[in-house]
Amino acid sequence: MAQQEVARLFRGAQSVPGLREKLAQAQNLDHFVQMAQECGYQFTVEEWQKATGFAVEELKCNVSEIPGI
């Protein structure tokens, strides 16, 4: 279920006006997931990491630099 929600978020980020820009304002992964949940996408930080195959904490980048977001 969580993988489907993450996939739905990726599609939404491409098709829903302003969603990508809104989520790009997240200060960290926890904030990103919270914002996504407020937009109706239901997954946890752990589910995001499992579905995307990486942990943001391991990367030297901002949430807005995550591919697909």
N, C-alpha and C. Protein backbone atom coordinates (compact mmCIF):
# COMPACT_ATOMS: atom_id res chain seq x y z
N MET A 1 0.82 -1.19 0.00
CA MET A 1 0.00 0.00 0.00
C MET A 1 0.86 1.26 0.00
N ALA A 2 1.89 1.27 0.85
CA ALA A 2 2.74 2.46 0.94
C ALA A 2 3.46 2.72 -0.38
N GLN A 3 3.90 1.67 -1.04
CA GLN A 3 4.59 1.87 -2.32
C GLN A 3 3.64 2.50 -3.34
N GLN A 4 2.38 2.12 -3.30
CA GLN A 4 1.40 2.71 -4.20
C GLN A 4 1.19 4.18 -3.87
N GLU A 5 1.21 4.52 -2.59
CA GLU A 5 1.05 5.92 -2.18
C GLU A 5 2.25 6.76 -2.63
N VAL A 6 3.45 6.21 -2.50
CA VAL A 6 4.64 6.93 -2.95
C VAL A 6 4.59 7.11 -4.45
N ALA A 7 4.19 6.08 -5.18
CA ALA A 7 4.06 6.19 -6.64
C ALA A 7 3.00 7.23 -7.00
N ARG A 8 1.90 7.25 -6.25
CA ARG A 8 0.84 8.24 -6.49
C ARG A 8 1.37 9.66 -6.25
N LEU A 9 2.23 9.81 -5.24
CA LEU A 9 2.84 11.12 -4.98
C LEU A 9 3.74 11.54 -6.14
N PHE A 10 4.54 10.62 -6.66
CA PHE A 10 5.40 10.95 -7.80
C PHE A 10 4.56 11.41 -8.99
N ARG A 11 3.46 10.70 -9.25
CA ARG A 11 2.58 11.10 -10.35
C ARG A 11 1.94 12.46 -10.06
N GLY A 12 1.53 12.65 -8.81
CA GLY A 12 0.92 13.91 -8.42
C GLY A 12 1.88 15.07 -8.54
N ALA A 13 3.14 14.84 -8.20
CA ALA A 13 4.14 15.91 -8.28
C ALA A 13 4.33 16.37 -9.72
N GLN A 14 4.02 15.49 -10.65
CA GLN A 14 4.16 15.84 -12.06
C GLN A 14 2.89 16.46 -12.64
N SER A 15 1.74 16.14 -12.04
CA SER A 15 0.48 16.56 -12.67
C SER A 15 -0.35 17.56 -11.86
N VAL A 16 -0.15 17.63 -10.56
CA VAL A 16 -0.94 18.53 -9.72
C VAL A 16 -0.23 19.88 -9.62
N PRO A 17 -0.85 20.93 -10.12
CA PRO A 17 -0.21 22.25 -10.09
C PRO A 17 0.18 22.67 -8.66
N GLY A 18 1.43 23.03 -8.50
CA GLY A 18 1.92 23.56 -7.23
C GLY A 18 2.36 22.53 -6.21
N LEU A 19 2.03 21.25 -6.41
CA LEU A 19 2.39 20.24 -5.42
C LEU A 19 3.90 20.08 -5.29
N ARG A 20 4.57 19.99 -6.40
CA ARG A 20 6.03 19.82 -6.38
C ARG A 20 6.70 21.00 -5.67
N GLU A 21 6.26 22.20 -5.99
CA GLU A 21 6.84 23.40 -5.37
C GLU A 21 6.57 23.42 -3.87
N LYS A 22 5.36 23.02 -3.49
CA LYS A 22 5.01 23.00 -2.07
C LYS A 22 5.90 22.02 -1.31
N LEU A 23 6.01 20.80 -1.81
CA LEU A 23 6.80 19.78 -1.13
C LEU A 23 8.30 20.10 -1.14
N ALA A 24 8.74 20.85 -2.14
CA ALA A 24 10.15 21.24 -2.21
C ALA A 24 10.53 22.18 -1.08
N GLN A 25 9.55 22.75 -0.39
CA GLN A 25 9.83 23.65 0.72
C GLN A 25 10.09 22.92 2.03
N ALA A 26 9.95 21.61 2.03
CA ALA A 26 10.18 20.83 3.25
C ALA A 26 11.61 21.00 3.72
N GLN A 27 11.77 21.15 5.02
CA GLN A 27 13.08 21.40 5.61
C GLN A 27 13.88 20.11 5.82
N ASN A 28 13.19 18.99 5.92
CA ASN A 28 13.85 17.70 6.10
C ASN A 28 12.85 16.61 5.71
N LEU A 29 13.27 15.37 5.78
CA LEU A 29 12.42 14.27 5.34
C LEU A 29 11.18 14.13 6.21
N ASP A 30 11.30 14.31 7.51
CA ASP A 30 10.12 14.23 8.38
C ASP A 30 9.08 15.28 7.98
N HIS A 31 9.55 16.49 7.73
CA HIS A 31 8.66 17.57 7.32
C HIS A 31 8.05 17.25 5.95
N PHE A 32 8.83 16.71 5.05
CA PHE A 32 8.35 16.33 3.73
C PHE A 32 7.21 15.33 3.84
N VAL A 33 7.40 14.29 4.65
CA VAL A 33 6.37 13.26 4.81
C VAL A 33 5.12 13.86 5.46
N GLN A 34 5.32 14.73 6.44
CA GLN A 34 4.18 15.38 7.09
C GLN A 34 3.39 16.21 6.07
N MET A 35 4.10 16.96 5.24
CA MET A 35 3.44 17.77 4.22
C MET A 35 2.70 16.88 3.22
N ALA A 36 3.32 15.78 2.83
CA ALA A 36 2.69 14.86 1.90
C ALA A 36 1.42 14.28 2.51
N GLN A 37 1.48 13.94 3.80
CA GLN A 37 0.30 13.41 4.48
C GLN A 37 -0.82 14.45 4.52
N GLU A 38 -0.46 15.69 4.75
CA GLU A 38 -1.46 16.76 4.75
C GLU A 38 -2.11 16.93 3.37
N CYS A 39 -1.40 16.52 2.33
CA CYS A 39 -1.93 16.59 0.96
C CYS A 39 -2.66 15.32 0.57
N GLY A 40 -2.77 14.36 1.51
CA GLY A 40 -3.54 13.16 1.25
C GLY A 40 -2.76 11.93 0.86
N TYR A 41 -1.44 11.98 0.97
CA TYR A 41 -0.60 10.83 0.64
C TYR A 41 -0.18 10.17 1.95
N GLN A 42 -0.57 8.91 2.13
CA GLN A 42 -0.39 8.26 3.42
C GLN A 42 0.76 7.26 3.40
N PHE A 43 1.91 7.68 3.91
CA PHE A 43 3.06 6.82 4.10
C PHE A 43 3.93 7.43 5.19
N THR A 44 4.78 6.59 5.77
CA THR A 44 5.68 7.05 6.82
C THR A 44 7.06 7.31 6.23
N VAL A 45 7.94 7.87 7.03
CA VAL A 45 9.33 8.11 6.61
C VAL A 45 9.97 6.78 6.22
N GLU A 46 9.76 5.76 7.04
CA GLU A 46 10.36 4.45 6.77
C GLU A 46 9.81 3.86 5.47
N GLU A 47 8.50 4.02 5.24
CA GLU A 47 7.90 3.52 4.01
C GLU A 47 8.43 4.28 2.80
N TRP A 48 8.63 5.59 2.94
CA TRP A 48 9.20 6.40 1.86
C TRP A 48 10.59 5.88 1.51
N GLN A 49 11.41 5.67 2.54
CA GLN A 49 12.78 5.22 2.32
C GLN A 49 12.80 3.85 1.65
N LYS A 50 11.94 2.95 2.09
CA LYS A 50 11.89 1.61 1.49
C LYS A 50 11.42 1.68 0.05
N ALA A 51 10.38 2.48 -0.21
CA ALA A 51 9.82 2.58 -1.57
C ALA A 51 10.77 3.25 -2.54
N THR A 52 11.54 4.22 -2.07
CA THR A 52 12.43 4.95 -2.96
C THR A 52 13.84 4.36 -2.99
N GLY A 53 14.16 3.52 -2.04
CA GLY A 53 15.45 2.84 -2.05
C GLY A 53 16.60 3.64 -1.50
N PHE A 54 16.32 4.75 -0.83
CA PHE A 54 17.41 5.51 -0.22
C PHE A 54 16.90 6.32 0.95
N ALA A 55 17.83 6.77 1.76
CA ALA A 55 17.51 7.63 2.89
C ALA A 55 18.09 9.01 2.63
N VAL A 56 17.29 10.04 2.78
CA VAL A 56 17.75 11.40 2.52
C VAL A 56 18.93 11.74 3.43
N GLU A 57 18.91 11.22 4.64
CA GLU A 57 19.99 11.54 5.57
C GLU A 57 21.35 11.09 5.05
N GLU A 58 21.34 10.11 4.15
CA GLU A 58 22.59 9.60 3.60
C GLU A 58 23.12 10.48 2.48
N LEU A 59 22.30 11.35 1.96
CA LEU A 59 22.69 12.19 0.84
C LEU A 59 23.05 13.59 1.30
N LYS A 60 23.88 14.24 0.55
CA LYS A 60 24.24 15.63 0.81
C LYS A 60 23.41 16.51 -0.11
N CYS A 61 22.10 16.63 0.20
CA CYS A 61 21.23 17.43 -0.63
C CYS A 61 20.02 17.88 0.19
N ASN A 62 19.24 18.75 -0.40
CA ASN A 62 17.98 19.18 0.18
C ASN A 62 16.88 18.26 -0.32
N VAL A 63 15.75 18.25 0.40
CA VAL A 63 14.62 17.44 -0.03
C VAL A 63 14.20 17.84 -1.44
N SER A 64 14.30 19.10 -1.78
CA SER A 64 13.89 19.56 -3.12
C SER A 64 14.77 19.00 -4.22
N GLU A 65 15.90 18.42 -3.87
CA GLU A 65 16.80 17.86 -4.88
C GLU A 65 16.58 16.37 -5.08
N ILE A 66 15.61 15.77 -4.39
CA ILE A 66 15.32 14.37 -4.55
C ILE A 66 14.74 14.15 -5.94
N PRO A 67 15.27 13.20 -6.69
CA PRO A 67 14.76 12.97 -8.05
C PRO A 67 13.27 12.69 -8.02
N GLY A 68 12.54 13.34 -8.89
CA GLY A 68 11.11 13.11 -9.01
C GLY A 68 10.25 14.00 -8.15
N ILE A 69 10.86 14.75 -7.27
CA ILE A 69 10.07 15.62 -6.38
C ILE A 69 10.36 17.06 -6.73
